C-alpha atoms as a PDB file:
ATOM      1  CA  MET A   1     -68.138  72.418  48.816  1.00  0.00           C
ATOM      2  CA  ARG A   2     -67.031  68.931  47.808  1.00  0.00           C
ATOM      3  CA  HIS A   3     -63.408  69.512  48.789  1.00  0.00           C
ATOM      4  CA  LEU A   4     -64.527  70.187  52.399  1.00  0.00           C
ATOM      5  CA  ILE A   5     -66.006  66.705  52.833  1.00  0.00           C
ATOM      6  CA  PRO A   6     -62.730  65.058  54.043  1.00  0.00           C
ATOM      7  CA  TYR A   7     -62.258  67.814  56.631  1.00  0.00           C
ATOM      8  CA  LEU A   8     -65.833  67.645  57.938  1.00  0.00           C
ATOM      9  CA  GLN A   9     -65.408  64.066  59.175  1.00  0.00           C
ATOM     10  CA  ASN A  10     -63.996  65.064  62.567  1.00  0.00           C
ATOM     11  CA  ASP A  11     -62.760  68.135  64.416  1.00  0.00           C
ATOM     12  CA  ASN A  12     -59.094  67.110  64.305  1.00  0.00           C
ATOM     13  CA  LYS A  13     -59.032  67.107  60.501  1.00  0.00           C
ATOM     14  CA  ALA A  14     -60.952  70.380  60.353  1.00  0.00           C
ATOM     15  CA  ALA A  15     -58.576  72.040  62.829  1.00  0.00           C
ATOM     16  CA  ASP A  16     -55.528  70.789  60.895  1.00  0.00           C
ATOM     17  CA  TYR A  17     -56.942  72.190  57.656  1.00  0.00           C
ATOM     18  CA  LEU A  18     -57.611  75.594  59.225  1.00  0.00           C
ATOM     19  CA  ARG A  19     -54.131  75.633  60.769  1.00  0.00           C
ATOM     20  CA  GLN A  20     -52.523  74.998  57.385  1.00  0.00           C
ATOM     21  CA  LEU A  21     -54.378  77.957  55.920  1.00  0.00           C
ATOM     22  CA  ARG A  22     -53.445  80.245  58.792  1.00  0.00           C
ATOM     23  CA  TRP A  23     -49.781  79.235  58.978  1.00  0.00           C
ATOM     24  CA  PRO A  24     -48.762  77.757  55.597  1.00  0.00           C
ATOM     25  CA  ASP A  25     -45.053  78.203  56.445  1.00  0.00           C
ATOM     26  CA  GLY A  26     -45.267  76.742  59.936  1.00  0.00           C
ATOM     27  CA  VAL A  27     -46.787  77.714  63.267  1.00  0.00           C
ATOM     28  CA  ILE A  28     -45.618  80.987  64.817  1.00  0.00           C
ATOM     29  CA  CYS A  29     -46.568  82.658  68.062  1.00  0.00           C
ATOM     30  CA  PRO A  30     -49.355  85.225  67.482  1.00  0.00           C
ATOM     31  CA  SER A  31     -47.929  87.422  70.274  1.00  0.00           C
ATOM     32  CA  CYS A  32     -44.239  87.687  69.393  1.00  0.00           C
ATOM     33  CA  GLY A  33     -44.001  86.066  65.961  1.00  0.00           C
ATOM     34  CA  SER A  34     -41.451  83.517  67.116  1.00  0.00           C
ATOM     35  CA  SER A  35     -41.255  80.076  65.536  1.00  0.00           C
ATOM     36  CA  ALA A  36     -39.789  78.582  68.732  1.00  0.00           C
ATOM     37  CA  VAL A  37     -43.017  76.810  69.636  1.00  0.00           C
ATOM     38  CA  GLU A  38     -43.646  73.266  70.757  1.00  0.00           C
ATOM     39  CA  LYS A  39     -46.798  71.209  70.484  1.00  0.00           C
ATOM     40  CA  ARG A  40     -48.838  70.319  73.511  1.00  0.00           C
ATOM     41  CA  GLU A  41     -52.065  68.353  73.909  1.00  0.00           C
ATOM     42  CA  ARG A  42     -55.149  69.075  71.805  1.00  0.00           C
ATOM     43  CA  CYS A  43     -58.185  70.895  73.140  1.00  0.00           C
ATOM     44  CA  SER A  44     -61.464  69.033  73.507  1.00  0.00           C
ATOM     45  CA  ASN A  45     -62.711  70.549  70.213  1.00  0.00           C
ATOM     46  CA  GLY A  46     -59.681  69.308  68.241  1.00  0.00           C
ATOM     47  CA  LEU A  47     -57.610  72.514  68.283  1.00  0.00           C
ATOM     48  CA  GLN A  48     -53.874  72.055  68.768  1.00  0.00           C
ATOM     49  CA  ARG A  49     -52.259  73.824  71.726  1.00  0.00           C
ATOM     50  CA  TYR A  50     -48.705  75.192  71.681  1.00  0.00           C
ATOM     51  CA  ASN A  51     -46.147  76.655  74.075  1.00  0.00           C
ATOM     52  CA  CYS A  52     -43.986  79.629  73.057  1.00  0.00           C
ATOM     53  CA  SER A  53     -40.554  79.425  74.709  1.00  0.00           C
ATOM     54  CA  ASP A  54     -39.681  83.068  73.951  1.00  0.00           C
ATOM     55  CA  CYS A  55     -42.893  84.416  75.504  1.00  0.00           C
ATOM     56  CA  ALA A  56     -42.480  82.170  78.551  1.00  0.00           C
ATOM     57  CA  THR A  57     -38.921  83.444  79.074  1.00  0.00           C
ATOM     58  CA  ARG A  58     -39.930  87.074  78.620  1.00  0.00           C
ATOM     59  CA  LEU A  59     -42.828  86.747  81.059  1.00  0.00           C
ATOM     60  CA  GLY A  60     -40.818  84.688  83.553  1.00  0.00           C
ATOM     61  CA  GLN A  61     -43.261  81.794  83.336  1.00  0.00           C
ATOM     62  CA  GLN A  62     -42.906  78.109  82.725  1.00  0.00           C
ATOM     63  CA  PHE A  63     -45.455  78.101  79.905  1.00  0.00           C
ATOM     64  CA  ALA A  64     -46.989  80.638  77.521  1.00  0.00           C
ATOM     65  CA  THR A  65     -49.630  78.706  75.645  1.00  0.00           C
ATOM     66  CA  PHE A  66     -51.836  79.477  72.674  1.00  0.00           C
ATOM     67  CA  ASN A  67     -53.877  77.452  70.201  1.00  0.00           C
ATOM     68  CA  ASP A  68     -54.824  77.497  66.527  1.00  0.00           C
ATOM     69  CA  TRP A  69     -57.508  80.144  67.051  1.00  0.00           C
ATOM     70  CA  THR A  70     -55.715  82.572  69.371  1.00  0.00           C
ATOM     71  CA  ASP A  71     -56.096  86.204  68.219  1.00  0.00           C
ATOM     72  CA  THR A  72     -58.593  85.340  65.480  1.00  0.00           C
ATOM     73  CA  ILE A  73     -62.315  85.895  65.115  1.00  0.00           C
ATOM     74  CA  PHE A  74     -62.809  82.222  66.072  1.00  0.00           C
ATOM     75  CA  GLU A  75     -61.191  82.567  69.497  1.00  0.00           C
ATOM     76  CA  GLY A  76     -63.596  81.699  72.297  1.00  0.00           C
ATOM     77  CA  SER A  77     -66.245  80.431  69.905  1.00  0.00           C
ATOM     78  CA  LYS A  78     -68.434  77.560  71.082  1.00  0.00           C
ATOM     79  CA  LEU A  79     -68.713  76.249  67.534  1.00  0.00           C
ATOM     80  CA  LYS A  80     -66.435  73.361  66.652  1.00  0.00           C
ATOM     81  CA  PRO A  81     -63.967  73.529  63.725  1.00  0.00           C
ATOM     82  CA  THR A  82     -66.227  71.292  61.614  1.00  0.00           C
ATOM     83  CA  GLU A  83     -69.176  73.625  62.232  1.00  0.00           C
ATOM     84  CA  TRP A  84     -67.123  76.686  61.340  1.00  0.00           C
ATOM     85  CA  LEU A  85     -65.950  75.083  58.101  1.00  0.00           C
ATOM     86  CA  LEU A  86     -69.550  74.355  57.140  1.00  0.00           C
ATOM     87  CA  VAL A  87     -70.675  77.884  58.051  1.00  0.00           C
ATOM     88  CA  ILE A  88     -67.906  79.458  55.958  1.00  0.00           C
ATOM     89  CA  GLY A  89     -68.782  77.248  53.003  1.00  0.00           C
ATOM     90  CA  LEU A  90     -72.432  78.308  53.242  1.00  0.00           C
ATOM     91  CA  TRP A  91     -71.358  81.940  53.695  1.00  0.00           C
ATOM     92  CA  GLN A  92     -69.424  81.746  50.443  1.00  0.00           C
ATOM     93  CA  SER A  93     -72.599  80.479  48.740  1.00  0.00           C
ATOM     94  CA  LYS A  94     -74.185  83.917  49.429  1.00  0.00           C
ATOM     95  CA  LEU A  95     -76.721  82.654  51.969  1.00  0.00           C
ATOM     96  CA  ASN A  96     -78.210  84.809  54.719  1.00  0.00           C
ATOM     97  CA  ALA A  97     -78.078  83.988  58.428  1.00  0.00           C
ATOM     98  CA  THR A  98     -81.432  82.204  58.485  1.00  0.00           C
ATOM     99  CA  GLU A  99     -80.477  79.932  55.592  1.00  0.00           C
ATOM    100  CA  ILE A 100     -77.077  79.218  57.141  1.00  0.00           C
ATOM    101  CA  ALA A 101     -78.668  78.379  60.502  1.00  0.00           C
ATOM    102  CA  ASP A 102     -81.085  75.923  58.876  1.00  0.00           C
ATOM    103  CA  ALA A 103     -78.402  74.263  56.737  1.00  0.00           C
ATOM    104  CA  ALA A 104     -75.762  74.030  59.489  1.00  0.00           C
ATOM    105  CA  GLY A 105     -78.154  73.123  62.296  1.00  0.00           C
ATOM    106  CA  ILE A 106     -77.169  76.021  64.562  1.00  0.00           C
ATOM    107  CA  ASN A 107     -79.056  78.793  66.335  1.00  0.00           C
ATOM    108  CA  LYS A 108     -80.155  81.714  64.166  1.00  0.00           C
ATOM    109  CA  ARG A 109     -78.555  84.325  66.439  1.00  0.00           C
ATOM    110  CA  THR A 110     -75.314  82.335  66.396  1.00  0.00           C
ATOM    111  CA  ALA A 111     -75.428  82.247  62.602  1.00  0.00           C
ATOM    112  CA  GLN A 112     -76.023  86.009  62.499  1.00  0.00           C
ATOM    113  CA  ARG A 113     -72.993  86.627  64.679  1.00  0.00           C
ATOM    114  CA  CYS A 114     -70.872  84.308  62.513  1.00  0.00           C
ATOM    115  CA  VAL A 115     -71.955  86.129  59.355  1.00  0.00           C
ATOM    116  CA  ASN A 116     -71.116  89.522  60.877  1.00  0.00           C
ATOM    117  CA  LEU A 117     -67.667  88.285  61.896  1.00  0.00           C
ATOM    118  CA  LEU A 118     -66.923  86.820  58.463  1.00  0.00           C
ATOM    119  CA  ASP A 119     -68.224  89.871  56.601  1.00  0.00           C
ATOM    120  CA  GLY A 120     -66.349  92.143  59.007  1.00  0.00           C
ATOM    121  CA  GLY A 121     -63.120  90.253  58.410  1.00  0.00           C
ATOM    122  CA  ILE A 122     -63.453  90.656  54.650  1.00  0.00           C
ATOM    123  CA  TYR A 123     -64.334  94.341  55.074  1.00  0.00           C
ATOM    124  CA  GLU A 124     -61.323  95.024  57.296  1.00  0.00           C
ATOM    125  CA  THR A 125     -58.674  93.196  55.270  1.00  0.00           C
ATOM    126  CA  TYR A 126     -59.912  93.172  51.670  1.00  0.00           C
ATOM    127  CA  HIS A 127     -62.237  96.135  51.234  1.00  0.00           C
ATOM    128  CA  LEU A 128     -60.074  98.578  53.214  1.00  0.00           C
ATOM    129  CA  ASP A 129     -56.814  97.392  51.633  1.00  0.00           C
ATOM    130  CA  PRO A 130     -55.110 100.674  50.591  1.00  0.00           C
ATOM    131  CA  GLU A 131     -52.925  98.907  48.019  1.00  0.00           C
ATOM    132  CA  ARG A 132     -55.881  97.627  45.987  1.00  0.00           C
ATOM    133  CA  GLN A 133     -56.474 100.094  43.154  1.00  0.00           C
ATOM    134  CA  LEU A 134     -58.241 100.091  39.807  1.00  0.00           C
ATOM    135  CA  GLU A 135     -56.583 101.243  36.587  1.00  0.00           C
ATOM    136  CA  GLY A 136     -57.025 101.368  32.840  1.00  0.00           C
ATOM    137  CA  GLN A 137     -60.643 101.938  31.862  1.00  0.00           C
ATOM    138  CA  VAL A 138     -62.787 102.507  34.962  1.00  0.00           C
ATOM    139  CA  GLU A 139     -66.523 103.200  35.133  1.00  0.00           C
ATOM    140  CA  ALA A 140     -68.077 105.112  38.036  1.00  0.00           C
ATOM    141  CA  ASP A 141     -71.731 105.303  39.006  1.00  0.00           C
ATOM    142  CA  GLU A 142     -73.939 105.482  42.067  1.00  0.00           C
ATOM    143  CA  ALA A 143     -76.944 103.476  43.216  1.00  0.00           C
ATOM    144  CA  TYR A 144     -79.320 103.744  46.149  1.00  0.00           C
ATOM    145  CA  GLN A 145     -80.289 100.920  48.496  1.00  0.00           C
ATOM    146  CA  SER A 146     -83.340 101.104  50.742  1.00  0.00           C
ATOM    147  CA  SER A 147     -82.147 100.321  54.267  1.00  0.00           C
ATOM    148  CA  GLY A 148     -82.704 101.774  57.673  1.00  0.00           C
ATOM    149  CA  SER A 149     -83.004 100.843  61.318  1.00  0.00           C
ATOM    150  CA  LYS A 150     -85.359  97.954  61.795  1.00  0.00           C
ATOM    151  CA  GLY A 151     -86.284  95.867  64.809  1.00  0.00           C
ATOM    152  CA  LEU A 152     -88.895  95.361  67.474  1.00  0.00           C
ATOM    153  CA  ALA A 153     -90.465  98.574  68.751  1.00  0.00           C
ATOM    154  CA  ARG A 154     -89.205  98.056  72.314  1.00  0.00           C
ATOM    155  CA  GLN A 155     -85.659  97.336  71.140  1.00  0.00           C
ATOM    156  CA  VAL A 156     -85.687 100.408  68.900  1.00  0.00           C
ATOM    157  CA  GLN A 157     -86.823 102.563  71.806  1.00  0.00           C
ATOM    158  CA  GLN A 158     -84.215 101.149  74.191  1.00  0.00           C
ATOM    159  CA  SER A 159     -81.395 101.698  71.723  1.00  0.00           C
ATOM    160  CA  GLY A 160     -82.372 105.322  71.197  1.00  0.00           C
ATOM    161  CA  ARG A 161     -82.528 105.111  67.411  1.00  0.00           C
ATOM    162  CA  ASP A 162     -85.205 105.960  64.903  1.00  0.00           C
ATOM    163  CA  PRO A 163     -87.299 103.140  63.418  1.00  0.00           C
ATOM    164  CA  ARG A 164     -86.757 102.167  59.819  1.00  0.00           C
ATOM    165  CA  ARG A 165     -88.592 104.351  57.325  1.00  0.00           C
ATOM    166  CA  ARG A 166     -90.966 102.568  55.006  1.00  0.00           C
ATOM    167  CA  GLY A 167     -91.344 103.843  51.473  1.00  0.00           C
ATOM    168  CA  ILE A 168     -89.903 106.980  49.905  1.00  0.00           C
ATOM    169  CA  LYS A 169     -91.433 109.933  51.760  1.00  0.00           C
ATOM    170  CA  LEU A 170     -88.847 112.632  51.050  1.00  0.00           C
ATOM    171  CA  ARG A 171     -88.086 114.176  47.684  1.00  0.00           C
ATOM    172  CA  GLY A 172     -84.646 114.865  46.257  1.00  0.00           C
ATOM    173  CA  ARG A 173     -81.450 112.862  46.150  1.00  0.00           C
ATOM    174  CA  ALA A 174     -81.483 109.939  48.547  1.00  0.00           C
ATOM    175  CA  THR A 175     -79.065 109.895  51.474  1.00  0.00           C
ATOM    176  CA  ALA A 176     -78.315 107.618  54.397  1.00  0.00           C
ATOM    177  CA  GLU A 177     -80.265 109.948  56.662  1.00  0.00           C
ATOM    178  CA  LYS A 178     -83.359 109.514  54.482  1.00  0.00           C
ATOM    179  CA  GLY A 179     -83.123 105.723  54.654  1.00  0.00           C
ATOM    180  CA  ARG A 180     -81.580 105.119  51.217  1.00  0.00           C
ATOM    181  CA  PRO A 181     -77.791 105.249  51.555  1.00  0.00           C
ATOM    182  CA  PRO A 182     -75.950 105.689  48.247  1.00  0.00           C
ATOM    183  CA  ILE A 183     -73.413 103.137  47.056  1.00  0.00           C
ATOM    184  CA  LEU A 184     -70.531 104.418  44.933  1.00  0.00           C
ATOM    185  CA  GLY A 185     -69.455 101.833  42.397  1.00  0.00           C
ATOM    186  CA  LEU A 186     -66.104 101.722  40.584  1.00  0.00           C
ATOM    187  CA  VAL A 187     -65.462  98.938  38.097  1.00  0.00           C
ATOM    188  CA  GLN A 188     -62.355  98.245  36.039  1.00  0.00           C
ATOM    189  CA  ARG A 189     -63.200  96.947  32.596  1.00  0.00           C
ATOM    190  CA  ARG A 190     -61.659  93.665  31.598  1.00  0.00           C
ATOM    191  CA  ASP A 191     -58.827  93.833  29.078  1.00  0.00           C
ATOM    192  CA  LYS A 192     -60.321  91.785  26.238  1.00  0.00           C
ATOM    193  CA  GLU A 193     -56.961  91.506  24.476  1.00  0.00           C
ATOM    194  CA  ASP A 194     -55.452  89.736  27.490  1.00  0.00           C
ATOM    195  CA  LYS A 195     -56.986  86.260  27.593  1.00  0.00           C
ATOM    196  CA  THR A 196     -55.626  85.640  31.109  1.00  0.00           C
ATOM    197  CA  ALA A 197     -57.039  88.857  32.585  1.00  0.00           C
ATOM    198  CA  PRO A 198     -59.597  88.382  35.387  1.00  0.00           C
ATOM    199  CA  PRO A 199     -63.172  89.630  34.902  1.00  0.00           C
ATOM    200  CA  ALA A 200     -64.149  93.189  35.728  1.00  0.00           C
ATOM    201  CA  GLN A 201     -62.855  94.107  39.180  1.00  0.00           C
ATOM    202  CA  VAL A 202     -65.173  96.207  41.309  1.00  0.00           C
ATOM    203  CA  TYR A 203     -64.942  98.483  44.340  1.00  0.00           C
ATOM    204  CA  LEU A 204     -68.161  99.364  46.175  1.00  0.00           C
ATOM    205  CA  GLU A 205     -68.398 101.934  48.964  1.00  0.00           C
ATOM    206  CA  VAL A 206     -71.488 102.752  51.014  1.00  0.00           C
ATOM    207  CA  THR A 207     -71.563 106.511  51.576  1.00  0.00           C
ATOM    208  CA  LYS A 208     -73.734 108.992  53.453  1.00  0.00           C
ATOM    209  CA  ASP A 209     -74.459 111.060  50.306  1.00  0.00           C
ATOM    210  CA  VAL A 210     -73.222 111.589  46.741  1.00  0.00           C
ATOM    211  CA  ARG A 211     -71.664 115.015  46.966  1.00  0.00           C
ATOM    212  CA  THR A 212     -68.320 115.761  45.338  1.00  0.00           C
ATOM    213  CA  ALA A 213     -66.675 116.225  48.734  1.00  0.00           C
ATOM    214  CA  THR A 214     -67.733 112.693  49.661  1.00  0.00           C
ATOM    215  CA  ILE A 215     -66.829 110.737  46.536  1.00  0.00           C
ATOM    216  CA  LYS A 216     -63.725 112.638  45.378  1.00  0.00           C
ATOM    217  CA  PRO A 217     -61.308 111.228  48.023  1.00  0.00           C
ATOM    218  CA  ILE A 218     -62.664 107.711  47.405  1.00  0.00           C
ATOM    219  CA  ILE A 219     -62.082 107.867  43.646  1.00  0.00           C
ATOM    220  CA  ILE A 220     -58.623 109.419  44.026  1.00  0.00           C
ATOM    221  CA  ALA A 221     -57.637 106.701  46.522  1.00  0.00           C
ATOM    222  CA  LYS A 222     -59.011 103.739  44.559  1.00  0.00           C
ATOM    223  CA  VAL A 223     -58.423 104.723  40.896  1.00  0.00           C
ATOM    224  CA  LYS A 224     -54.880 105.326  39.663  1.00  0.00           C
ATOM    225  CA  LEU A 225     -54.222 108.755  38.226  1.00  0.00           C
ATOM    226  CA  GLY A 226     -54.056 108.770  34.431  1.00  0.00           C
ATOM    227  CA  SER A 227     -56.778 106.145  34.079  1.00  0.00           C
ATOM    228  CA  GLU A 228     -59.775 106.655  31.815  1.00  0.00           C
ATOM    229  CA  LEU A 229     -62.884 107.411  33.883  1.00  0.00           C
ATOM    230  CA  PHE A 230     -66.320 106.860  32.349  1.00  0.00           C
ATOM    231  CA  THR A 231     -69.364 108.399  34.030  1.00  0.00           C
ATOM    232  CA  ASP A 232     -72.717 109.939  33.237  1.00  0.00           C
ATOM    233  CA  GLU A 233     -73.067 113.727  33.239  1.00  0.00           C
ATOM    234  CA  TYR A 234     -73.865 114.068  36.929  1.00  0.00           C
ATOM    235  CA  ASN A 235     -71.864 117.130  38.037  1.00  0.00           C
ATOM    236  CA  ILE A 236     -70.316 115.419  41.053  1.00  0.00           C
ATOM    237  CA  TYR A 237     -67.749 113.896  38.660  1.00  0.00           C
ATOM    238  CA  ASN A 238     -66.659 117.235  37.143  1.00  0.00           C
ATOM    239  CA  PHE A 239     -63.472 117.211  39.234  1.00  0.00           C
ATOM    240  CA  ALA A 240     -62.093 114.189  37.345  1.00  0.00           C
ATOM    241  CA  THR A 241     -60.218 116.031  34.586  1.00  0.00           C
ATOM    242  CA  GLU A 242     -58.509 118.440  36.983  1.00  0.00           C
ATOM    243  CA  ALA A 243     -57.622 115.533  39.269  1.00  0.00           C
ATOM    244  CA  GLY A 244     -55.655 113.846  36.464  1.00  0.00           C
ATOM    245  CA  TYR A 245     -58.126 111.432  34.859  1.00  0.00           C
ATOM    246  CA  LYS A 246     -59.144 111.115  31.219  1.00  0.00           C
ATOM    247  CA  HIS A 247     -62.817 111.815  31.816  1.00  0.00           C
ATOM    248  CA  ARG A 248     -65.477 110.816  29.278  1.00  0.00           C
ATOM    249  CA  THR A 249     -69.230 111.026  29.841  1.00  0.00           C
ATOM    250  CA  VAL A 250     -72.477 109.785  28.324  1.00  0.00           C
ATOM    251  CA  ASN A 251     -75.616 111.895  28.433  1.00  0.00           C
ATOM    252  CA  HIS A 252     -78.361 109.656  29.782  1.00  0.00           C
ATOM    253  CA  GLY A 253     -80.762 112.598  29.875  1.00  0.00           C
ATOM    254  CA  ALA A 254     -80.564 112.845  26.089  1.00  0.00           C
ATOM    255  CA  GLY A 255     -81.089 109.121  25.630  1.00  0.00           C
ATOM    256  CA  GLU A 256     -77.395 108.382  25.050  1.00  0.00           C
ATOM    257  CA  TYR A 257     -76.190 105.212  26.767  1.00  0.00           C
ATOM    258  CA  ALA A 258     -73.211 104.180  24.649  1.00  0.00           C
ATOM    259  CA  ARG A 259     -71.130 105.578  21.819  1.00  0.00           C
ATOM    260  CA  CYS A 260     -67.872 104.915  20.053  1.00  0.00           C
ATOM    261  CA  ASP A 261     -65.488 107.879  19.912  1.00  0.00           C
ATOM    262  CA  PRO A 262     -63.255 108.501  16.846  1.00  0.00           C
ATOM    263  CA  ASP A 263     -60.271 106.982  18.666  1.00  0.00           C
ATOM    264  CA  GLY A 264     -62.169 103.694  18.966  1.00  0.00           C
ATOM    265  CA  VAL A 265     -62.938 103.916  22.701  1.00  0.00           C
ATOM    266  CA  CYS A 266     -66.409 102.740  23.729  1.00  0.00           C
ATOM    267  CA  VAL A 267     -67.904 105.247  26.151  1.00  0.00           C
ATOM    268  CA  HIS A 268     -70.591 103.769  28.387  1.00  0.00           C
ATOM    269  CA  CYS A 269     -71.420 102.766  31.980  1.00  0.00           C
ATOM    270  CA  ASN A 270     -73.075  99.465  31.124  1.00  0.00           C
ATOM    271  CA  THR A 271     -70.556  97.367  33.063  1.00  0.00           C
ATOM    272  CA  ILE A 272     -71.338  99.016  36.379  1.00  0.00           C
ATOM    273  CA  GLU A 273     -75.071  98.917  35.573  1.00  0.00           C
ATOM    274  CA  GLY A 274     -74.774  95.143  35.338  1.00  0.00           C
ATOM    275  CA  ILE A 275     -73.024  95.132  38.719  1.00  0.00           C
ATOM    276  CA  TRP A 276     -75.973  96.995  40.267  1.00  0.00           C
ATOM    277  CA  SER A 277     -78.395  94.379  38.978  1.00  0.00           C
ATOM    278  CA  ALA A 278     -76.360  91.528  40.491  1.00  0.00           C
ATOM    279  CA  LEU A 279     -75.828  93.406  43.772  1.00  0.00           C
ATOM    280  CA  ARG A 280     -79.553  94.044  44.220  1.00  0.00           C
ATOM    281  CA  ASN A 281     -80.289  90.368  43.625  1.00  0.00           C
ATOM    282  CA  PHE A 282     -77.717  89.512  46.310  1.00  0.00           C
ATOM    283  CA  LEU A 283     -79.076  92.029  48.847  1.00  0.00           C
ATOM    284  CA  ASP A 284     -82.643  90.822  48.267  1.00  0.00           C
ATOM    285  CA  ARG A 285     -81.681  87.666  50.177  1.00  0.00           C
ATOM    286  CA  PHE A 286     -81.497  89.688  53.390  1.00  0.00           C
ATOM    287  CA  ARG A 287     -85.150  90.826  53.208  1.00  0.00           C
ATOM    288  CA  GLY A 288     -85.016  94.404  54.421  1.00  0.00           C
ATOM    289  CA  ILE A 289     -81.364  94.929  55.247  1.00  0.00           C
ATOM    290  CA  SER A 290     -80.446  97.169  58.147  1.00  0.00           C
ATOM    291  CA  GLN A 291     -78.248 100.168  57.480  1.00  0.00           C
ATOM    292  CA  ARG A 292     -75.834  99.017  60.202  1.00  0.00           C
ATOM    293  CA  PHE A 293     -74.995  95.877  58.223  1.00  0.00           C
ATOM    294  CA  LEU A 294     -75.222  97.182  54.659  1.00  0.00           C
ATOM    295  CA  HIS A 295     -71.508  97.924  54.214  1.00  0.00           C
ATOM    296  CA  LEU A 296     -70.623  94.431  55.478  1.00  0.00           C
ATOM    297  CA  ARG A 297     -72.927  92.675  53.024  1.00  0.00           C
ATOM    298  CA  VAL A 298     -71.697  94.865  50.159  1.00  0.00           C
ATOM    299  CA  ALA A 299     -68.096  93.976  51.080  1.00  0.00           C
ATOM    300  CA  ARG A 300     -68.946  90.264  50.880  1.00  0.00           C
ATOM    301  CA  TYR A 301     -70.462  90.685  47.420  1.00  0.00           C
ATOM    302  CA  GLU A 302     -67.436  92.717  46.296  1.00  0.00           C
ATOM    303  CA  PHE A 303     -65.018  90.000  47.427  1.00  0.00           C
ATOM    304  CA  LEU A 304     -66.971  87.113  45.908  1.00  0.00           C
ATOM    305  CA  HIS A 305     -67.481  88.971  42.610  1.00  0.00           C
ATOM    306  CA  ASN A 306     -63.800  89.860  42.256  1.00  0.00           C
ATOM    307  CA  HIS A 307     -62.801  86.235  42.879  1.00  0.00           C
ATOM    308  CA  GLY A 308     -65.514  84.722  40.730  1.00  0.00           C
ATOM    309  CA  HIS A 309     -62.960  83.687  38.086  1.00  0.00           C
ATOM    310  CA  LEU A 310     -61.292  81.313  40.572  1.00  0.00           C
ATOM    311  CA  ASP A 311     -62.617  77.879  41.408  1.00  0.00           C
ATOM    312  CA  TRP A 312     -64.591  77.360  44.609  1.00  0.00           C
ATOM    313  CA  GLN A 313     -61.684  76.014  46.653  1.00  0.00           C
ATOM    314  CA  GLN A 314     -59.318  78.839  45.702  1.00  0.00           C
ATOM    315  CA  THR A 315     -61.910  81.451  46.656  1.00  0.00           C
ATOM    316  CA  PHE A 316     -62.609  79.627  49.934  1.00  0.00           C
ATOM    317  CA  GLU A 317     -58.941  79.560  50.915  1.00  0.00           C
ATOM    318  CA  LYS A 318     -58.402  83.165  49.861  1.00  0.00           C
ATOM    319  CA  ALA A 319     -61.337  84.250  52.048  1.00  0.00           C
ATOM    320  CA  LEU A 320     -60.001  82.306  55.037  1.00  0.00           C
ATOM    321  CA  ARG A 321     -56.543  83.841  54.699  1.00  0.00           C
ATOM    322  CA  CYS A 322     -58.115  87.306  54.689  1.00  0.00           C
ATOM    323  CA  ILE A 323     -60.218  86.458  57.743  1.00  0.00           C
ATOM    324  CA  PHE A 324     -57.220  85.038  59.631  1.00  0.00           C
ATOM    325  CA  SER A 325     -55.289  88.273  59.041  1.00  0.00           C
ATOM    326  CA  THR A 326     -57.888  90.444  60.797  1.00  0.00           C
ATOM    327  CA  ASN A 327     -57.532  91.849  64.283  1.00  0.00           C
ATOM    328  CA  GLY A 328     -59.708  89.167  65.845  1.00  0.00           C
ATOM    329  CA  ARG A 329     -60.130  90.686  69.298  1.00  0.00           C
ATOM    330  CA  TYR A 330     -60.998  94.125  67.963  1.00  0.00           C
ATOM    331  CA  LEU A 331     -63.506  92.758  65.468  1.00  0.00           C
ATOM    332  CA  ARG A 332     -65.225  90.513  68.024  1.00  0.00           C
ATOM    333  CA  ARG A 333     -65.557  93.465  70.402  1.00  0.00           C
ATOM    334  CA  MET A 334     -67.045  95.657  67.687  1.00  0.00           C
ATOM    335  CA  VAL A 335     -69.566  92.982  66.690  1.00  0.00           C
ATOM    336  CA  HIS A 336     -70.511  92.372  70.331  1.00  0.00           C
ATOM    337  CA  GLN A 337     -71.099  96.111  70.864  1.00  0.00           C
ATOM    338  CA  HIS A 338     -72.925  96.431  67.502  1.00  0.00           C
ATOM    339  CA  ARG A 339     -70.470  99.150  66.450  1.00  0.00           C
ATOM    340  CA  LEU A 340     -70.364  97.833  62.909  1.00  0.00           C
ATOM    341  CA  ILE A 341     -69.935 101.097  61.023  1.00  0.00           C
ATOM    342  CA  PRO A 342     -66.192 101.907  61.024  1.00  0.00           C
ATOM    343  CA  LEU A 343     -65.056 105.269  62.331  1.00  0.00           C
ATOM    344  CA  THR A 344     -62.283 105.553  59.730  1.00  0.00           C
ATOM    345  CA  ALA A 345     -61.460 104.110  56.350  1.00  0.00           C
ATOM    346  CA  CYS A 346     -58.361 103.957  54.192  1.00  0.00           C
ATOM    347  CA  TYR A 347     -59.283 107.027  52.124  1.00  0.00           C
ATOM    348  CA  ARG A 348     -60.362 109.290  54.982  1.00  0.00           C
END
């Protein structure tokens, strides 16, 4: 976070830094996209105000003003630009809301709302990006994360939801309904011959179950046809060959975890197993994560893992550009109404 120090000195510098990341090619009107804007006075929190001549003419008004945060998740926030910069830096350090509140000196509920907005922005723009696909050698596996509906008894009753289940009380494959939603993991192995290739890229999707009908459209959407797909012998992946993938499996039930085929290809799922270990360590920070927020936290881990080869500043600026490109008003409304589980996704 050292590069943030110059911008944390006052709100004007912080606002200027955020503006440069939002509009690197110059300020444009968020309503009409016009560059015919003129500067006006700053707001009390350091944000720059502008007037759009085209919008004013179209609306028959003298002025049509906006500021640096109009139509973003930061619009209407009581936090100052310096506080938001600090919160985002702590968010990137994989801290939970309580830790961020203590470090930034803000209210815990405010920190929780900030985290949900930041995670939601990454989920909407990065995780659901339909153009982001894996190719080459891809491993697929599933894991199960204990999460449910937690909260005070009176709040649970008022919201009309079931309390969080404690322990594993039902036999069989875990599902979201049983309190252990599955997470489908897809990881693209790093090309060791290419020294400039980034580390293993991962795609993680929280699902309601692990049936073929559930995971098949996800894999087809996120893994390019013709790629090599490595899985265990769970029958939900039997569609892979017919779908156009070069499917190879390892038999974990027989004690087989890795082998080298005659053509020199290493068949294993060890890369995705390492991802599960790191993901569980990350989710442990949230101390009993609620099922409503699980997909948001998983999206944050996915983004930070896939950009782990960049330096801290590059990852920070990449995250901010993703967050600025979200539909700010829609996301704020969803967070306010606690409708955090999306109704649709790119593969549905």
